[in-house]
C-alpha cells in the first residue's frame, strides 16, 4: 500500500509539474502575444504618423507653390496694368502730336519722362519690395505723364508726412498706380472741371504705412450708375488686382494686417482710396 501511495504521489507530483509548465508556457505565450500586439500597434501608429507627416509636408509644399504662383500672377497683373498697351499707345500718340505741332520741347520732355518711368517699372518688376523713393518717383512720373497728355486739365499734389523717410521705407512695386489711374481716367477726366485735383499722400501709424489717393471727380456712385461706360469694368479689374495683392501680403505678414478701402469723398463728391501696409524693412536694393 505504501508503494502504491508513493507511486500515486509521484504521478500527482509529475502532473502538477506538467501543469505548472503548461500554465507557465501559456502565460509566456500570452505575454509574448500581448507584447507583439502592442509592438505591431506601435509600429503601425509610427508608420501612420510618418505618413501623416509626409502628407502634411507635401500639402504644405503644394500650398506654398500655389501661393507663390498666385503671388507671381498678381505681380504680373500689376506690371500689365502699369504698362498696358493703351497707356503706351496714348503716350506715343501725344509725342507724335507734339512733334507734328512743332512743340519739340514738350515732345522731348514727354519722351524723357516716359523713358524714366519705363526704366523704373522694368527695374522694380523683378522685386517684391522696392525702396519708397523709387516707387514714389514712379507714381509721380506716371501722374505727370497723364497730366501732360490731358493738357494739364487737372492739378495734382504728392505729400509725404514728416515722419516718413522714403529711402528707408519699402513698398510693393506697382500697387498704388491703378488707384491713380482710376482717379484720373474714371474720376477727373470723365467729367472735366476747372478745379479738378488729385492728391496722393503717404503717412504712417504705429505699425503701418498708409497711402491715400483722393480726387474731386465724379465719384464712385456716379461712375457705377453709368453701366454703359466700359471703364467701369476696367476699374473693377484694377481694384480686384489690388485686393488680390493685399490678400497675398496678409498671408505673409500675420501680425500687422494690410488693408484696402475705397469710399466716396466728402458730400459724396470724388473718391478716396486708402491702402495700409505693414512696415517693411530690408536691405536697400540699390
Protein backbone atom coordinates (compact mmCIF):
# COMPACT_ATOMS: atom_id res chain seq x y z
CA UNK A 1 0.00 0.00 0.00
CA UNK A 2 2.81 2.38 0.83
CA UNK A 3 4.38 1.68 -2.54
CA UNK A 4 1.16 2.38 -4.35
CA UNK A 5 0.67 5.54 -2.33
CA UNK A 6 4.21 6.63 -3.15
CA UNK A 7 3.66 5.93 -6.85
CA UNK A 8 0.41 7.85 -6.75
CA UNK A 9 2.10 10.81 -5.11
CA UNK A 10 4.89 10.67 -7.67
CA UNK A 11 2.38 10.69 -10.50
CA UNK A 12 0.45 13.58 -8.91
CA UNK A 13 3.70 15.48 -8.47
CA UNK A 14 4.58 14.91 -12.11
CA UNK A 15 1.10 16.05 -13.15
CA UNK A 16 1.41 19.20 -11.05
CA UNK A 17 4.85 19.88 -12.53
CA UNK A 18 3.45 19.40 -16.05
CA UNK A 19 0.52 21.67 -15.20
CA UNK A 20 2.93 24.32 -13.90
CA UNK A 21 5.00 24.07 -17.10
CA UNK A 22 1.82 24.15 -19.17
CA UNK A 23 0.37 27.17 -17.39
CA UNK A 24 3.74 28.90 -17.43
CA UNK A 25 4.02 28.25 -21.16
CA UNK A 26 0.50 29.56 -21.73
CA UNK A 27 1.25 32.69 -19.68
CA UNK A 28 4.53 33.25 -21.55
CA UNK A 29 2.75 32.80 -24.88
CA UNK A 30 0.01 35.22 -23.78
CA UNK A 31 2.59 37.78 -22.62
CA UNK A 32 4.53 37.44 -25.89
CA UNK A 33 1.30 37.73 -27.88
CA UNK A 34 0.29 40.86 -25.99
CA UNK A 35 3.79 42.32 -26.43
CA UNK A 36 3.74 41.50 -30.14
CA UNK A 37 0.28 43.03 -30.46
CA UNK A 38 1.30 46.29 -28.82
CA UNK A 39 4.63 46.32 -30.67
CA UNK A 40 2.85 45.90 -34.01
CA UNK A 41 0.31 48.51 -33.00
CA UNK A 42 3.13 50.89 -32.06
CA UNK A 43 4.84 50.27 -35.42
CA UNK A 44 1.58 50.81 -37.29
CA UNK A 45 0.98 54.06 -35.40
CA UNK A 46 4.54 55.16 -36.13
CA UNK A 47 4.09 54.43 -39.83
CA UNK A 48 0.73 56.19 -39.82
CA UNK A 49 2.27 59.21 -38.11
CA UNK A 50 5.15 59.20 -40.57
CA UNK A 51 2.71 59.04 -43.49
CA UNK A 52 0.70 61.89 -41.97
CA UNK A 53 3.85 63.99 -41.62
CA UNK A 54 4.84 63.25 -45.22
CA UNK A 55 1.31 64.07 -46.37
CA UNK A 56 1.22 67.32 -44.37
CA UNK A 57 4.64 68.30 -45.66
CA UNK A 58 3.54 67.56 -49.21
CA UNK A 59 0.34 69.59 -48.74
CA UNK A 60 2.35 72.43 -47.22
CA UNK A 61 4.73 72.48 -50.18
CA UNK A 62 1.78 72.36 -52.57
CA UNK A 63 0.17 75.31 -50.78
CA UNK A 64 3.46 77.22 -50.85
CA UNK A 65 3.86 76.57 -54.57
CA UNK A 66 0.25 77.59 -55.20
CA UNK A 67 0.77 80.73 -53.12
CA UNK A 68 3.99 81.61 -54.98
CA UNK A 69 2.16 81.08 -58.27
CA UNK A 70 -0.71 83.33 -57.17
CA UNK A 71 1.78 85.95 -55.96
CA UNK A 72 3.61 85.85 -59.31
CA UNK A 73 0.30 86.09 -61.16
CA UNK A 74 -0.73 89.04 -59.01
CA UNK A 75 2.57 90.84 -59.58
CA UNK A 76 2.36 90.10 -63.32
CA UNK A 77 -1.13 91.64 -63.41
CA UNK A 78 0.27 94.72 -61.67
CA UNK A 79 3.02 95.05 -64.29
CA UNK A 80 0.48 94.66 -67.08
CA UNK A 81 -1.80 97.27 -65.51
CA UNK A 82 1.01 99.82 -65.33
CA UNK A 83 2.46 99.13 -68.78
CA UNK A 84 -0.78 98.38 -70.57
CA UNK A 85 -0.81 98.88 -74.36
CA UNK A 86 -3.40 101.69 -74.15
CA UNK A 87 -1.16 103.81 -71.94
CA UNK A 88 1.92 103.25 -74.14
CA UNK A 89 -0.08 103.91 -77.31
CA UNK A 90 -1.57 107.12 -75.87
CA UNK A 91 1.84 108.43 -74.77
CA UNK A 92 3.30 107.74 -78.22
CA UNK A 93 0.31 109.49 -79.80
CA UNK A 94 0.89 112.52 -77.58
CA UNK A 95 4.58 112.58 -78.55
CA UNK A 96 3.61 112.40 -82.23
CA UNK A 97 1.11 115.26 -81.76
CA UNK A 98 3.77 117.47 -80.14
CA UNK A 99 6.19 116.70 -82.98
CA UNK A 100 3.55 117.46 -85.62
CA UNK A 101 2.75 120.76 -83.89
CA UNK A 102 6.48 121.54 -83.80
CA UNK A 103 6.48 121.58 -79.99
CA UNK A 104 9.87 119.94 -79.69
CA UNK A 105 10.46 120.82 -76.04
CA UNK A 106 7.19 119.25 -74.93
CA UNK A 107 7.85 116.18 -77.07
CA UNK A 108 11.37 115.85 -75.66
CA UNK A 109 10.11 116.27 -72.09
CA UNK A 110 7.43 113.63 -72.62
CA UNK A 111 9.96 111.20 -74.12
CA UNK A 112 12.38 111.69 -71.20
CA UNK A 113 9.71 111.13 -68.58
CA UNK A 114 8.28 108.10 -70.40
CA UNK A 115 11.79 106.59 -70.68
CA UNK A 116 12.42 107.20 -66.97
CA UNK A 117 9.11 105.63 -65.99
CA UNK A 118 9.67 102.60 -68.25
CA UNK A 119 13.12 102.06 -66.75
CA UNK A 120 11.79 102.27 -63.18
CA UNK A 121 8.96 99.86 -63.92
CA UNK A 122 11.30 97.31 -65.50
CA UNK A 123 13.76 97.60 -62.60
CA UNK A 124 11.06 97.30 -59.95
CA UNK A 125 9.18 94.47 -61.65
CA UNK A 126 11.84 91.92 -60.65
CA UNK A 127 11.50 92.70 -56.92
CA UNK A 128 8.79 92.01 -54.37
CA UNK A 129 9.73 95.17 -52.42
CA UNK A 130 11.42 98.39 -53.52
CA UNK A 131 12.52 101.49 -51.64
CA UNK A 132 9.79 104.07 -51.17
CA UNK A 133 11.67 106.80 -53.03
CA UNK A 134 11.82 104.67 -56.20
CA UNK A 135 8.14 103.78 -56.05
CA UNK A 136 7.15 107.36 -55.21
CA UNK A 137 9.17 108.62 -58.19
CA UNK A 138 7.44 106.11 -60.48
CA UNK A 139 4.00 107.24 -59.26
CA UNK A 140 4.90 110.91 -59.77
CA UNK A 141 6.25 110.25 -63.27
CA UNK A 142 3.09 108.38 -64.22
CA UNK A 143 0.87 111.19 -62.90
CA UNK A 144 2.94 113.86 -64.64
CA UNK A 145 2.75 111.97 -67.94
CA UNK A 146 -1.03 111.72 -67.66
CA UNK A 147 -1.30 115.42 -66.79
CA UNK A 148 0.78 116.31 -69.86
CA UNK A 149 -1.30 114.02 -72.08
CA UNK A 150 -4.52 115.69 -70.97
CA UNK A 151 -3.18 119.20 -71.40
CA UNK A 152 -2.85 119.89 -67.66
CA UNK A 153 -6.63 119.60 -67.27
CA UNK A 154 -6.13 118.70 -63.61
CA UNK A 155 -3.70 119.62 -60.86
CA UNK A 156 -2.00 117.18 -58.52
CA UNK A 157 -0.10 117.15 -55.25
CA UNK A 158 2.15 114.47 -53.75
CA UNK A 159 2.60 114.78 -49.98
CA UNK A 160 4.99 112.88 -47.70
CA UNK A 161 4.41 113.05 -43.93
CA UNK A 162 7.27 114.47 -41.85
CA UNK A 163 7.89 111.16 -40.06
CA UNK A 164 8.30 109.25 -43.34
CA UNK A 165 11.75 108.63 -44.83
CA UNK A 166 11.11 107.25 -48.28
CA UNK A 167 14.64 105.93 -48.84
CA UNK A 168 14.39 103.65 -45.78
CA UNK A 169 10.79 102.59 -46.37
CA UNK A 170 9.95 99.56 -48.52
CA UNK A 171 6.81 99.19 -50.63
CA UNK A 172 5.41 96.55 -53.01
CA UNK A 173 6.02 97.91 -56.52
CA UNK A 174 3.14 98.97 -58.75
CA UNK A 175 0.47 98.54 -56.08
CA UNK A 176 -0.79 102.16 -55.91
CA UNK A 177 -0.60 103.05 -59.62
CA UNK A 178 -4.02 101.57 -60.55
CA UNK A 179 -5.64 103.84 -57.94
CA UNK A 180 -4.05 106.92 -59.52
CA UNK A 181 -5.08 105.69 -62.97
CA UNK A 182 -8.68 105.19 -61.81
CA UNK A 183 -8.74 108.62 -60.14
CA UNK A 184 -7.57 110.33 -63.34
CA UNK A 185 -9.36 108.36 -66.05
CA UNK A 186 -12.59 107.48 -64.23
CA UNK A 187 -12.82 110.42 -61.85
CA UNK A 188 -11.26 113.62 -63.20
CA UNK A 189 -11.22 113.21 -66.99
CA UNK A 190 -14.65 111.65 -67.48
CA UNK A 191 -16.34 114.91 -66.42
CA UNK A 192 -13.70 117.69 -66.59
CA UNK A 193 -13.99 120.79 -64.41
CA UNK A 194 -11.78 123.78 -63.69
CA UNK A 195 -10.72 122.76 -60.18
CA UNK A 196 -10.07 119.08 -60.96
CA UNK A 197 -7.46 117.94 -58.45
CA UNK A 198 -5.65 114.78 -57.38
CA UNK A 199 -3.89 114.28 -54.04
CA UNK A 200 -1.56 111.41 -53.21
CA UNK A 201 -0.37 111.26 -49.60
CA UNK A 202 1.78 108.85 -47.63
CA UNK A 203 1.67 108.75 -43.83
CA UNK A 204 2.24 106.23 -41.06
CA UNK A 205 0.65 104.89 -37.92
CA UNK A 206 2.42 102.94 -35.18
CA UNK A 207 2.51 99.70 -37.18
CA UNK A 208 1.51 100.63 -40.72
CA UNK A 209 2.22 102.97 -43.58
CA UNK A 210 -0.85 104.30 -45.42
CA UNK A 211 -1.08 105.71 -48.95
CA UNK A 212 -4.17 107.80 -49.71
CA UNK A 213 -5.28 108.67 -53.25
CA UNK A 214 -8.04 111.29 -53.32
CA UNK A 215 -9.74 113.08 -56.21
CA UNK A 216 -12.63 115.51 -56.52
CA UNK A 217 -14.01 113.93 -59.69
CA UNK A 218 -17.38 112.35 -60.42
CA UNK A 219 -17.20 109.88 -57.53
CA UNK A 220 -17.76 106.13 -57.28
CA UNK A 221 -21.55 106.32 -57.16
CA UNK A 222 -21.80 108.42 -60.31
CA UNK A 223 -19.47 106.10 -62.20
CA UNK A 224 -21.18 102.89 -61.09
CA UNK A 225 -24.55 104.26 -62.23
CA UNK A 226 -23.15 104.64 -65.77
CA UNK A 227 -23.38 100.93 -66.55
CA UNK A 228 -22.81 101.51 -70.27
CA UNK A 229 -19.41 103.05 -69.60
CA UNK A 230 -16.73 100.44 -70.41
CA UNK A 231 -14.33 101.98 -67.92
CA UNK A 232 -16.33 100.54 -65.01
CA UNK A 233 -15.13 97.04 -65.90
CA UNK A 234 -11.52 98.23 -66.26
CA UNK A 235 -11.70 99.98 -62.90
CA UNK A 236 -13.16 96.86 -61.28
CA UNK A 237 -10.32 94.72 -62.66
CA UNK A 238 -7.75 97.18 -61.32
CA UNK A 239 -9.30 97.15 -57.84
CA UNK A 240 -9.53 93.34 -57.91
CA UNK A 241 -5.81 93.16 -58.66
CA UNK A 242 -5.07 95.39 -55.66
CA UNK A 243 -7.27 93.29 -53.36
CA UNK A 244 -5.52 90.12 -54.54
CA UNK A 245 -2.11 91.57 -53.70
CA UNK A 246 -3.34 92.80 -50.31
CA UNK A 247 -4.56 89.27 -49.60
CA UNK A 248 -1.12 87.90 -50.55
CA UNK A 249 0.60 90.36 -48.21
CA UNK A 250 -1.71 89.35 -45.35
CA UNK A 251 -0.80 85.69 -45.85
CA UNK A 252 2.88 86.56 -45.45
CA UNK A 253 2.52 89.06 -42.61
CA UNK A 254 0.08 87.80 -39.99
CA UNK A 255 0.86 90.30 -37.20
CA UNK A 256 0.23 93.60 -39.00
CA UNK A 257 -2.57 93.33 -41.49
CA UNK A 258 -2.64 95.18 -44.80
CA UNK A 259 -5.95 96.74 -45.84
CA UNK A 260 -7.60 98.47 -48.78
CA UNK A 261 -10.64 100.73 -48.57
CA UNK A 262 -12.33 102.87 -51.19
CA UNK A 263 -15.14 105.29 -50.39
CA UNK A 264 -16.84 108.48 -51.62
CA UNK A 265 -15.30 111.82 -50.65
CA UNK A 266 -16.98 114.50 -48.57
CA UNK A 267 -20.58 115.20 -49.58
CA UNK A 268 -20.38 112.17 -51.91
CA UNK A 269 -18.02 114.12 -54.19
CA UNK A 270 -14.91 112.48 -55.54
CA UNK A 271 -13.30 109.28 -54.31
CA UNK A 272 -10.89 108.39 -51.51
CA UNK A 273 -8.83 105.19 -51.77
CA UNK A 274 -6.57 104.13 -48.89
CA UNK A 275 -4.02 101.32 -48.84
CA UNK A 276 -2.40 100.49 -45.49
CA UNK A 277 0.63 98.19 -45.40
CA UNK A 278 2.88 96.66 -42.74
CA UNK A 279 6.17 98.48 -42.17
CA UNK A 280 8.57 96.56 -44.40
CA UNK A 281 12.27 96.53 -43.61
CA UNK A 282 15.21 95.10 -45.51
CA UNK A 283 18.47 95.79 -47.25
CA UNK A 284 18.45 98.54 -49.79
CA UNK A 285 18.07 97.20 -53.32
CA UNK A 286 20.21 99.90 -54.81
